[in-house]
């Protein structure tokens, strides 16, 4: 009797925990369901830029409402503007250092390197006889 009780408790626990594990691993926030984002390496820089721009907007709204004088506005906004300039330079450097792969050349009519058969289908990506990739 105790063996069945333990078995059913274990089974019930697995049934309760499984949906949470599936949702945790399936729907992660840091990963897109469509694959890797092309600009994912720039995400920290863009978030920092947005934060700096929000801070500047707050200072500007304080100046427009009359809470800050012109001198206070200039002194408080100057560090944010300098940080934005340096961040823009970093973004330009990061975007310039990205290596792009050249697109492979695909011939209209090609001969399979594996089986030697001639393939006349212009958009075929694989050999219809043996299945070897056209780009291999």
Foldseek 3Di string as FASTA:
>chain_A
DVVVVVVVVVVVVCVVCVVVVCCPVVDPPLADPVGDDPCSVCVVLVVVLVVLVVVLVVLVVCVVVPVDDPVRSCVVNVVSVVVNVVSVVVVVVVVVPDDDDDDDDADQWDADPPPRDTDNHRPDQADPPPGHGRRD
